[in-house]
mmCIF file of all heavy atoms, coordinates in Angstrom:
data_MODEL
# 
_entry.id   MODEL 
# 
loop_
_atom_site.group_PDB 
_atom_site.id 
_atom_site.type_symbol 
_atom_site.label_atom_id 
_atom_site.label_alt_id 
_atom_site.label_comp_id 
_atom_site.label_asym_id 
_atom_site.label_entity_id 
_atom_site.label_seq_id 
_atom_site.pdbx_PDB_ins_code 
_atom_site.Cartn_x 
_atom_site.Cartn_y 
_atom_site.Cartn_z 
_atom_site.occupancy 
_atom_site.B_iso_or_equiv 
_atom_site.pdbx_formal_charge 
_atom_site.auth_seq_id 
_atom_site.auth_comp_id 
_atom_site.auth_asym_id 
_atom_site.auth_atom_id 
_atom_site.pdbx_PDB_model_num 
ATOM 1   N N   . ALA A 1 1  ? 206.309 233.306 227.747 1.00 0.00 ? 1  ALA A N   1 
ATOM 2   C CA  . ALA A 1 1  ? 205.353 232.225 228.013 1.00 0.00 ? 1  ALA A CA  1 
ATOM 3   C C   . ALA A 1 1  ? 205.887 230.899 227.464 1.00 0.00 ? 1  ALA A C   1 
ATOM 4   O O   . ALA A 1 1  ? 205.714 229.831 228.083 1.00 0.00 ? 1  ALA A O   1 
ATOM 5   C CB  . ALA A 1 1  ? 204.012 232.568 227.390 1.00 0.00 ? 1  ALA A CB  1 
ATOM 6   N N   . THR A 1 2  ? 206.522 230.944 226.287 1.00 0.00 ? 2  THR A N   1 
ATOM 7   C CA  . THR A 1 2  ? 207.116 229.729 225.706 1.00 0.00 ? 2  THR A CA  1 
ATOM 8   C C   . THR A 1 2  ? 208.198 229.168 226.624 1.00 0.00 ? 2  THR A C   1 
ATOM 9   O O   . THR A 1 2  ? 208.286 227.947 226.830 1.00 0.00 ? 2  THR A O   1 
ATOM 10  C CB  . THR A 1 2  ? 207.712 230.045 224.321 1.00 0.00 ? 2  THR A CB  1 
ATOM 11  O OG1 . THR A 1 2  ? 206.676 230.530 223.479 1.00 0.00 ? 2  THR A OG1 1 
ATOM 12  C CG2 . THR A 1 2  ? 208.343 228.798 223.679 1.00 0.00 ? 2  THR A CG2 1 
ATOM 13  N N   . ALA A 1 3  ? 209.018 230.076 227.170 1.00 0.00 ? 3  ALA A N   1 
ATOM 14  C CA  . ALA A 1 3  ? 210.085 229.636 228.095 1.00 0.00 ? 3  ALA A CA  1 
ATOM 15  C C   . ALA A 1 3  ? 209.456 228.922 229.305 1.00 0.00 ? 3  ALA A C   1 
ATOM 16  O O   . ALA A 1 3  ? 209.985 227.889 229.751 1.00 0.00 ? 3  ALA A O   1 
ATOM 17  C CB  . ALA A 1 3  ? 210.928 230.819 228.530 1.00 0.00 ? 3  ALA A CB  1 
ATOM 18  N N   . SER A 1 4  ? 208.357 229.475 229.821 1.00 0.00 ? 4  SER A N   1 
ATOM 19  C CA  . SER A 1 4  ? 207.693 228.838 230.966 1.00 0.00 ? 4  SER A CA  1 
ATOM 20  C C   . SER A 1 4  ? 207.208 227.429 230.654 1.00 0.00 ? 4  SER A C   1 
ATOM 21  O O   . SER A 1 4  ? 207.380 226.502 231.449 1.00 0.00 ? 4  SER A O   1 
ATOM 22  C CB  . SER A 1 4  ? 206.523 229.707 231.443 1.00 0.00 ? 4  SER A CB  1 
ATOM 23  O OG  . SER A 1 4  ? 206.997 230.961 231.906 1.00 0.00 ? 4  SER A OG  1 
ATOM 24  N N   . LEU A 1 5  ? 206.575 227.296 229.460 1.00 0.00 ? 5  LEU A N   1 
ATOM 25  C CA  . LEU A 1 5  ? 206.082 225.975 229.084 1.00 0.00 ? 5  LEU A CA  1 
ATOM 26  C C   . LEU A 1 5  ? 207.213 224.954 228.940 1.00 0.00 ? 5  LEU A C   1 
ATOM 27  O O   . LEU A 1 5  ? 207.094 223.805 229.370 1.00 0.00 ? 5  LEU A O   1 
ATOM 28  C CB  . LEU A 1 5  ? 205.325 226.071 227.744 1.00 0.00 ? 5  LEU A CB  1 
ATOM 29  C CG  . LEU A 1 5  ? 203.944 226.725 227.788 1.00 0.00 ? 5  LEU A CG  1 
ATOM 30  C CD1 . LEU A 1 5  ? 203.392 226.915 226.376 1.00 0.00 ? 5  LEU A CD1 1 
ATOM 31  C CD2 . LEU A 1 5  ? 202.982 225.850 228.602 1.00 0.00 ? 5  LEU A CD2 1 
ATOM 32  N N   . LEU A 1 6  ? 208.307 225.384 228.361 1.00 0.00 ? 6  LEU A N   1 
ATOM 33  C CA  . LEU A 1 6  ? 209.420 224.454 228.142 1.00 0.00 ? 6  LEU A CA  1 
ATOM 34  C C   . LEU A 1 6  ? 210.119 224.116 229.468 1.00 0.00 ? 6  LEU A C   1 
ATOM 35  O O   . LEU A 1 6  ? 210.571 222.989 229.661 1.00 0.00 ? 6  LEU A O   1 
ATOM 36  C CB  . LEU A 1 6  ? 210.446 225.080 227.186 1.00 0.00 ? 6  LEU A CB  1 
ATOM 37  C CG  . LEU A 1 6  ? 209.913 225.344 225.755 1.00 0.00 ? 6  LEU A CG  1 
ATOM 38  C CD1 . LEU A 1 6  ? 211.015 225.933 224.869 1.00 0.00 ? 6  LEU A CD1 1 
ATOM 39  C CD2 . LEU A 1 6  ? 209.349 224.076 225.111 1.00 0.00 ? 6  LEU A CD2 1 
ATOM 40  N N   . GLU A 1 7  ? 210.146 225.088 230.411 1.00 0.00 ? 7  GLU A N   1 
ATOM 41  C CA  . GLU A 1 7  ? 210.758 224.817 231.711 1.00 0.00 ? 7  GLU A CA  1 
ATOM 42  C C   . GLU A 1 7  ? 209.945 223.786 232.489 1.00 0.00 ? 7  GLU A C   1 
ATOM 43  O O   . GLU A 1 7  ? 210.487 222.991 233.264 1.00 0.00 ? 7  GLU A O   1 
ATOM 44  C CB  . GLU A 1 7  ? 210.879 226.116 232.506 1.00 0.00 ? 7  GLU A CB  1 
ATOM 45  C CG  . GLU A 1 7  ? 211.961 227.035 231.948 1.00 0.00 ? 7  GLU A CG  1 
ATOM 46  C CD  . GLU A 1 7  ? 211.854 228.454 232.487 1.00 0.00 ? 7  GLU A CD  1 
ATOM 47  O OE1 . GLU A 1 7  ? 210.887 228.715 233.280 1.00 0.00 ? 7  GLU A OE1 1 
ATOM 48  O OE2 . GLU A 1 7  ? 212.654 229.309 232.097 1.00 0.00 ? 7  GLU A OE2 1 
ATOM 49  N N   . GLU A 1 8  ? 208.620 223.778 232.274 1.00 0.00 ? 8  GLU A N   1 
ATOM 50  C CA  . GLU A 1 8  ? 207.737 222.811 232.981 1.00 0.00 ? 8  GLU A CA  1 
ATOM 51  C C   . GLU A 1 8  ? 208.003 221.371 232.510 1.00 0.00 ? 8  GLU A C   1 
ATOM 52  O O   . GLU A 1 8  ? 207.700 220.424 233.231 1.00 0.00 ? 8  GLU A O   1 
ATOM 53  C CB  . GLU A 1 8  ? 206.279 223.181 232.749 1.00 0.00 ? 8  GLU A CB  1 
ATOM 54  C CG  . GLU A 1 8  ? 205.867 224.488 233.427 1.00 0.00 ? 8  GLU A CG  1 
ATOM 55  C CD  . GLU A 1 8  ? 204.445 224.900 233.040 1.00 0.00 ? 8  GLU A CD  1 
ATOM 56  O OE1 . GLU A 1 8  ? 203.807 224.133 232.266 1.00 0.00 ? 8  GLU A OE1 1 
ATOM 57  O OE2 . GLU A 1 8  ? 203.989 225.961 233.461 1.00 0.00 ? 8  GLU A OE2 1 
ATOM 58  N N   . LEU A 1 9  ? 208.551 221.232 231.308 1.00 0.00 ? 9  LEU A N   1 
ATOM 59  C CA  . LEU A 1 9  ? 208.789 219.881 230.783 1.00 0.00 ? 9  LEU A CA  1 
ATOM 60  C C   . LEU A 1 9  ? 209.813 219.123 231.621 1.00 0.00 ? 9  LEU A C   1 
ATOM 61  O O   . LEU A 1 9  ? 209.851 217.878 231.600 1.00 0.00 ? 9  LEU A O   1 
ATOM 62  C CB  . LEU A 1 9  ? 209.287 219.960 229.323 1.00 0.00 ? 9  LEU A CB  1 
ATOM 63  C CG  . LEU A 1 9  ? 208.284 220.498 228.304 1.00 0.00 ? 9  LEU A CG  1 
ATOM 64  C CD1 . LEU A 1 9  ? 208.929 220.584 226.922 1.00 0.00 ? 9  LEU A CD1 1 
ATOM 65  C CD2 . LEU A 1 9  ? 207.039 219.609 228.258 1.00 0.00 ? 9  LEU A CD2 1 
ATOM 66  N N   . ASP A 1 10 ? 210.685 219.836 232.337 1.00 0.00 ? 10 ASP A N   1 
ATOM 67  C CA  . ASP A 1 10 ? 211.676 219.167 233.165 1.00 0.00 ? 10 ASP A CA  1 
ATOM 68  C C   . ASP A 1 10 ? 211.043 218.323 234.263 1.00 0.00 ? 10 ASP A C   1 
ATOM 69  O O   . ASP A 1 10 ? 211.705 217.410 234.814 1.00 0.00 ? 10 ASP A O   1 
ATOM 70  C CB  . ASP A 1 10 ? 212.614 220.212 233.810 1.00 0.00 ? 10 ASP A CB  1 
ATOM 71  C CG  . ASP A 1 10 ? 213.525 220.845 232.770 1.00 0.00 ? 10 ASP A CG  1 
ATOM 72  O OD1 . ASP A 1 10 ? 213.755 220.219 231.720 1.00 0.00 ? 10 ASP A OD1 1 
ATOM 73  O OD2 . ASP A 1 10 ? 213.998 221.982 233.002 1.00 0.00 ? 10 ASP A OD2 1 
ATOM 74  N N   . GLU A 1 11 ? 209.788 218.624 234.614 1.00 0.00 ? 11 GLU A N   1 
ATOM 75  C CA  . GLU A 1 11 ? 209.109 217.882 235.678 1.00 0.00 ? 11 GLU A CA  1 
ATOM 76  C C   . GLU A 1 11 ? 208.530 216.569 235.178 1.00 0.00 ? 11 GLU A C   1 
ATOM 77  O O   . GLU A 1 11 ? 208.112 215.741 235.981 1.00 0.00 ? 11 GLU A O   1 
ATOM 78  C CB  . GLU A 1 11 ? 208.005 218.758 236.286 1.00 0.00 ? 11 GLU A CB  1 
ATOM 79  C CG  . GLU A 1 11 ? 208.536 220.076 236.869 1.00 0.00 ? 11 GLU A CG  1 
ATOM 80  C CD  . GLU A 1 11 ? 207.401 220.966 237.335 1.00 0.00 ? 11 GLU A CD  1 
ATOM 81  O OE1 . GLU A 1 11 ? 206.241 220.526 237.290 1.00 0.00 ? 11 GLU A OE1 1 
ATOM 82  O OE2 . GLU A 1 11 ? 207.702 222.113 237.741 1.00 0.00 ? 11 GLU A OE2 1 
ATOM 83  N N   . GLN A 1 12 ? 208.491 216.378 233.862 1.00 0.00 ? 12 GLN A N   1 
ATOM 84  C CA  . GLN A 1 12 ? 207.940 215.125 233.322 1.00 0.00 ? 12 GLN A CA  1 
ATOM 85  C C   . GLN A 1 12 ? 208.955 213.972 233.536 1.00 0.00 ? 12 GLN A C   1 
ATOM 86  O O   . GLN A 1 12 ? 210.160 214.217 233.517 1.00 0.00 ? 12 GLN A O   1 
ATOM 87  C CB  . GLN A 1 12 ? 207.624 215.265 231.823 1.00 0.00 ? 12 GLN A CB  1 
ATOM 88  C CG  . GLN A 1 12 ? 206.522 216.258 231.522 1.00 0.00 ? 12 GLN A CG  1 
ATOM 89  C CD  . GLN A 1 12 ? 206.192 216.274 230.033 1.00 0.00 ? 12 GLN A CD  1 
ATOM 90  O OE1 . GLN A 1 12 ? 206.769 215.560 229.233 1.00 0.00 ? 12 GLN A OE1 1 
ATOM 91  N NE2 . GLN A 1 12 ? 205.233 217.160 229.679 1.00 0.00 ? 12 GLN A NE2 1 
ATOM 92  N N   . PRO A 1 13 ? 208.456 212.756 233.676 1.00 0.00 ? 13 PRO A N   1 
ATOM 93  C CA  . PRO A 1 13 ? 209.386 211.620 233.858 1.00 0.00 ? 13 PRO A CA  1 
ATOM 94  C C   . PRO A 1 13 ? 210.272 211.367 232.632 1.00 0.00 ? 13 PRO A C   1 
ATOM 95  O O   . PRO A 1 13 ? 211.428 210.950 232.776 1.00 0.00 ? 13 PRO A O   1 
ATOM 96  C CB  . PRO A 1 13 ? 208.443 210.434 234.132 1.00 0.00 ? 13 PRO A CB  1 
ATOM 97  C CG  . PRO A 1 13 ? 207.100 210.873 233.682 1.00 0.00 ? 13 PRO A CG  1 
ATOM 98  C CD  . PRO A 1 13 ? 207.041 212.355 233.823 1.00 0.00 ? 13 PRO A CD  1 
ATOM 99  N N   . ALA A 1 14 ? 209.753 211.604 231.438 1.00 0.00 ? 14 ALA A N   1 
ATOM 100 C CA  . ALA A 1 14 ? 210.549 211.408 230.207 1.00 0.00 ? 14 ALA A CA  1 
ATOM 101 C C   . ALA A 1 14 ? 210.326 212.618 229.311 1.00 0.00 ? 14 ALA A C   1 
ATOM 102 O O   . ALA A 1 14 ? 209.569 212.566 228.344 1.00 0.00 ? 14 ALA A O   1 
ATOM 103 C CB  . ALA A 1 14 ? 210.148 210.123 229.498 1.00 0.00 ? 14 ALA A CB  1 
ATOM 104 N N   . PRO A 1 15 ? 210.978 213.751 229.652 1.00 0.00 ? 15 PRO A N   1 
ATOM 105 C CA  . PRO A 1 15 ? 210.760 214.968 228.871 1.00 0.00 ? 15 PRO A CA  1 
ATOM 106 C C   . PRO A 1 15 ? 211.303 214.813 227.441 1.00 0.00 ? 15 PRO A C   1 
ATOM 107 O O   . PRO A 1 15 ? 212.260 214.066 227.214 1.00 0.00 ? 15 PRO A O   1 
ATOM 108 C CB  . PRO A 1 15 ? 211.530 216.030 229.633 1.00 0.00 ? 15 PRO A CB  1 
ATOM 109 C CG  . PRO A 1 15 ? 212.589 215.274 230.360 1.00 0.00 ? 15 PRO A CG  1 
ATOM 110 C CD  . PRO A 1 15 ? 211.965 213.952 230.717 1.00 0.00 ? 15 PRO A CD  1 
ATOM 111 N N   . PRO A 1 16 ? 210.714 215.508 226.471 1.00 0.00 ? 16 PRO A N   1 
ATOM 112 C CA  . PRO A 1 16 ? 211.198 215.413 225.098 1.00 0.00 ? 16 PRO A CA  1 
ATOM 113 C C   . PRO A 1 16 ? 212.520 216.177 224.912 1.00 0.00 ? 16 PRO A C   1 
ATOM 114 O O   . PRO A 1 16 ? 212.840 217.060 225.675 1.00 0.00 ? 16 PRO A O   1 
ATOM 115 C CB  . PRO A 1 16 ? 210.081 216.071 224.287 1.00 0.00 ? 16 PRO A CB  1 
ATOM 116 C CG  . PRO A 1 16 ? 209.464 217.054 225.214 1.00 0.00 ? 16 PRO A CG  1 
ATOM 117 C CD  . PRO A 1 16 ? 209.538 216.408 226.576 1.00 0.00 ? 16 PRO A CD  1 
ATOM 118 N N   . ARG A 1 17 ? 213.253 215.757 223.908 1.00 0.00 ? 17 ARG A N   1 
ATOM 119 C CA  . ARG A 1 17 ? 214.417 216.545 223.508 1.00 0.00 ? 17 ARG A CA  1 
ATOM 120 C C   . ARG A 1 17 ? 213.919 217.874 222.945 1.00 0.00 ? 17 ARG A C   1 
ATOM 121 O O   . ARG A 1 17 ? 212.904 217.890 222.231 1.00 0.00 ? 17 ARG A O   1 
ATOM 122 C CB  . ARG A 1 17 ? 215.240 215.835 222.438 1.00 0.00 ? 17 ARG A CB  1 
ATOM 123 C CG  . ARG A 1 17 ? 215.776 214.471 222.874 1.00 0.00 ? 17 ARG A CG  1 
ATOM 124 C CD  . ARG A 1 17 ? 216.370 213.746 221.674 1.00 0.00 ? 17 ARG A CD  1 
ATOM 125 N NE  . ARG A 1 17 ? 216.845 212.418 221.983 1.00 0.00 ? 17 ARG A NE  1 
ATOM 126 C CZ  . ARG A 1 17 ? 218.108 212.141 222.331 1.00 0.00 ? 17 ARG A CZ  1 
ATOM 127 N NH1 . ARG A 1 17 ? 219.000 213.124 222.399 1.00 0.00 ? 17 ARG A NH1 1 
ATOM 128 N NH2 . ARG A 1 17 ? 218.457 210.898 222.604 1.00 0.00 ? 17 ARG A NH2 1 
ATOM 129 N N   . ILE A 1 18 ? 214.630 218.949 223.229 1.00 0.00 ? 18 ILE A N   1 
ATOM 130 C CA  . ILE A 1 18 ? 214.219 220.268 222.736 1.00 0.00 ? 18 ILE A CA  1 
ATOM 131 C C   . ILE A 1 18 ? 215.303 220.851 221.874 1.00 0.00 ? 18 ILE A C   1 
ATOM 132 O O   . ILE A 1 18 ? 216.482 220.930 222.270 1.00 0.00 ? 18 ILE A O   1 
ATOM 133 C CB  . ILE A 1 18 ? 213.906 221.233 223.914 1.00 0.00 ? 18 ILE A CB  1 
ATOM 134 C CG1 . ILE A 1 18 ? 212.755 220.684 224.762 1.00 0.00 ? 18 ILE A CG1 1 
ATOM 135 C CG2 . ILE A 1 18 ? 213.576 222.616 223.383 1.00 0.00 ? 18 ILE A CG2 1 
ATOM 136 C CD1 . ILE A 1 18 ? 212.490 221.504 226.008 1.00 0.00 ? 18 ILE A CD1 1 
ATOM 137 N N   . ILE A 1 19 ? 214.906 221.278 220.665 1.00 0.00 ? 19 ILE A N   1 
ATOM 138 C CA  . ILE A 1 19 ? 215.824 221.997 219.758 1.00 0.00 ? 19 ILE A CA  1 
ATOM 139 C C   . ILE A 1 19 ? 215.070 223.243 219.243 1.00 0.00 ? 19 ILE A C   1 
ATOM 140 O O   . ILE A 1 19 ? 213.933 223.129 218.806 1.00 0.00 ? 19 ILE A O   1 
ATOM 141 C CB  . ILE A 1 19 ? 216.283 221.149 218.568 1.00 0.00 ? 19 ILE A CB  1 
ATOM 142 C CG1 . ILE A 1 19 ? 217.011 219.885 219.033 1.00 0.00 ? 19 ILE A CG1 1 
ATOM 143 C CG2 . ILE A 1 19 ? 217.178 221.946 217.652 1.00 0.00 ? 19 ILE A CG2 1 
ATOM 144 C CD1 . ILE A 1 19 ? 217.487 219.000 217.899 1.00 0.00 ? 19 ILE A CD1 1 
ATOM 145 N N   . ALA A 1 20 ? 215.708 224.372 219.344 1.00 0.00 ? 20 ALA A N   1 
ATOM 146 C CA  . ALA A 1 20 ? 215.127 225.635 218.827 1.00 0.00 ? 20 ALA A CA  1 
ATOM 147 C C   . ALA A 1 20 ? 216.090 226.218 217.798 1.00 0.00 ? 20 ALA A C   1 
ATOM 148 O O   . ALA A 1 20 ? 217.310 226.010 217.850 1.00 0.00 ? 20 ALA A O   1 
ATOM 149 C CB  . ALA A 1 20 ? 214.875 226.631 219.966 1.00 0.00 ? 20 ALA A CB  1 
ATOM 150 N N   . THR A 1 21 ? 215.528 226.974 216.854 1.00 0.00 ? 21 THR A N   1 
ATOM 151 C CA  . THR A 1 21 ? 216.362 227.628 215.862 1.00 0.00 ? 21 THR A CA  1 
ATOM 152 C C   . THR A 1 21 ? 216.151 229.157 215.972 1.00 0.00 ? 21 THR A C   1 
ATOM 153 O O   . THR A 1 21 ? 215.042 229.609 216.227 1.00 0.00 ? 21 THR A O   1 
ATOM 154 C CB  . THR A 1 21 ? 216.022 227.187 214.428 1.00 0.00 ? 21 THR A CB  1 
ATOM 155 O OG1 . THR A 1 21 ? 214.722 227.638 214.052 1.00 0.00 ? 21 THR A OG1 1 
ATOM 156 C CG2 . THR A 1 21 ? 216.105 225.671 214.317 1.00 0.00 ? 21 THR A CG2 1 
ATOM 157 N N   . LEU A 1 22 ? 217.227 229.888 215.749 1.00 0.00 ? 22 LEU A N   1 
ATOM 158 C CA  . LEU A 1 22 ? 217.215 231.329 215.931 1.00 0.00 ? 22 LEU A CA  1 
ATOM 159 C C   . LEU A 1 22 ? 218.034 232.008 214.828 1.00 0.00 ? 22 LEU A C   1 
ATOM 160 O O   . LEU A 1 22 ? 219.176 231.638 214.578 1.00 0.00 ? 22 LEU A O   1 
ATOM 161 C CB  . LEU A 1 22 ? 217.813 231.700 217.302 1.00 0.00 ? 22 LEU A CB  1 
ATOM 162 C CG  . LEU A 1 22 ? 218.113 233.173 217.559 1.00 0.00 ? 22 LEU A CG  1 
ATOM 163 C CD1 . LEU A 1 22 ? 216.816 233.945 217.786 1.00 0.00 ? 22 LEU A CD1 1 
ATOM 164 C CD2 . LEU A 1 22 ? 219.034 233.333 218.770 1.00 0.00 ? 22 LEU A CD2 1 
ATOM 165 N N   . THR A 1 23 ? 217.425 232.993 214.186 1.00 0.00 ? 23 THR A N   1 
ATOM 166 C CA  . THR A 1 23 ? 218.148 233.887 213.281 1.00 0.00 ? 23 THR A CA  1 
ATOM 167 C C   . THR A 1 23 ? 218.446 235.176 214.056 1.00 0.00 ? 23 THR A C   1 
ATOM 168 O O   . THR A 1 23 ? 217.534 235.895 214.438 1.00 0.00 ? 23 THR A O   1 
ATOM 169 C CB  . THR A 1 23 ? 217.320 234.218 212.022 1.00 0.00 ? 23 THR A CB  1 
ATOM 170 O OG1 . THR A 1 23 ? 217.009 233.005 211.332 1.00 0.00 ? 23 THR A OG1 1 
ATOM 171 C CG2 . THR A 1 23 ? 218.090 235.145 211.109 1.00 0.00 ? 23 THR A CG2 1 
ATOM 172 N N   . PRO A 1 24 ? 219.725 235.438 214.366 1.00 0.00 ? 24 PRO A N   1 
ATOM 173 C CA  . PRO A 1 24 ? 220.048 236.606 215.204 1.00 0.00 ? 24 PRO A CA  1 
ATOM 174 C C   . PRO A 1 24 ? 219.528 237.909 214.615 1.00 0.00 ? 24 PRO A C   1 
ATOM 175 O O   . PRO A 1 24 ? 219.564 238.137 213.398 1.00 0.00 ? 24 PRO A O   1 
ATOM 176 C CB  . PRO A 1 24 ? 221.584 236.588 215.238 1.00 0.00 ? 24 PRO A CB  1 
ATOM 177 C CG  . PRO A 1 24 ? 221.940 235.174 214.950 1.00 0.00 ? 24 PRO A CG  1 
ATOM 178 C CD  . PRO A 1 24 ? 220.907 234.670 213.975 1.00 0.00 ? 24 PRO A CD  1 
ATOM 179 N N   . THR A 1 25 ? 219.056 238.784 215.493 1.00 0.00 ? 25 THR A N   1 
ATOM 180 C CA  . THR A 1 25 ? 218.589 240.119 215.107 1.00 0.00 ? 25 THR A CA  1 
ATOM 181 C C   . THR A 1 25 ? 219.239 241.149 216.020 1.00 0.00 ? 25 THR A C   1 
ATOM 182 O O   . THR A 1 25 ? 219.817 240.824 217.051 1.00 0.00 ? 25 THR A O   1 
ATOM 183 C CB  . THR A 1 25 ? 217.057 240.224 215.238 1.00 0.00 ? 25 THR A CB  1 
ATOM 184 O OG1 . THR A 1 25 ? 216.681 239.968 216.608 1.00 0.00 ? 25 THR A OG1 1 
ATOM 185 C CG2 . THR A 1 25 ? 216.367 239.210 214.342 1.00 0.00 ? 25 THR A CG2 1 
ATOM 186 N N   . ASP A 1 26 ? 219.153 242.417 215.599 1.00 0.00 ? 26 ASP A N   1 
ATOM 187 C CA  . ASP A 1 26 ? 219.720 243.488 216.385 1.00 0.00 ? 26 ASP A CA  1 
ATOM 188 C C   . ASP A 1 26 ? 218.958 243.721 217.689 1.00 0.00 ? 26 ASP A C   1 
ATOM 189 O O   . ASP A 1 26 ? 219.552 244.064 218.711 1.00 0.00 ? 26 ASP A O   1 
ATOM 190 C CB  . ASP A 1 26 ? 219.778 244.801 215.573 1.00 0.00 ? 26 ASP A CB  1 
ATOM 191 C CG  . ASP A 1 26 ? 220.711 244.686 214.380 1.00 0.00 ? 26 ASP A CG  1 
ATOM 192 O OD1 . ASP A 1 26 ? 221.659 243.880 214.450 1.00 0.00 ? 26 ASP A OD1 1 
ATOM 193 O OD2 . ASP A 1 26 ? 220.491 245.404 213.387 1.00 0.00 ? 26 ASP A OD2 1 
ATOM 194 N N   . ALA A 1 27 ? 217.635 243.555 217.621 1.00 0.00 ? 27 ALA A N   1 
ATOM 195 C CA  . ALA A 1 27 ? 216.806 243.821 218.803 1.00 0.00 ? 27 ALA A CA  1 
ATOM 196 C C   . ALA A 1 27 ? 216.471 242.526 219.545 1.00 0.00 ? 27 ALA A C   1 
ATOM 197 O O   . ALA A 1 27 ? 215.966 241.569 218.916 1.00 0.00 ? 27 ALA A O   1 
ATOM 198 C CB  . ALA A 1 27 ? 215.528 244.522 218.382 1.00 0.00 ? 27 ALA A CB  1 
ATOM 199 N N   . THR A 1 28 ? 216.793 242.464 220.835 1.00 0.00 ? 28 THR A N   1 
ATOM 200 C CA  . THR A 1 28 ? 216.470 241.308 221.656 1.00 0.00 ? 28 THR A CA  1 
ATOM 201 C C   . THR A 1 28 ? 215.609 241.751 222.841 1.00 0.00 ? 28 THR A C   1 
ATOM 202 O O   . THR A 1 28 ? 216.053 242.536 223.661 1.00 0.00 ? 28 THR A O   1 
ATOM 203 C CB  . THR A 1 28 ? 217.747 240.623 222.169 1.00 0.00 ? 28 THR A CB  1 
ATOM 204 O OG1 . THR A 1 28 ? 218.557 240.235 221.054 1.00 0.00 ? 28 THR A OG1 1 
ATOM 205 C CG2 . THR A 1 28 ? 217.422 239.386 222.981 1.00 0.00 ? 28 THR A CG2 1 
# 
């Protein structure tokens, strides 16, 4: 659901910069 919300931002005239942080885990 988060991915869907962020993908919708591309349709805005001035979308925000997006930065995400991830700590790798064994299970994805």
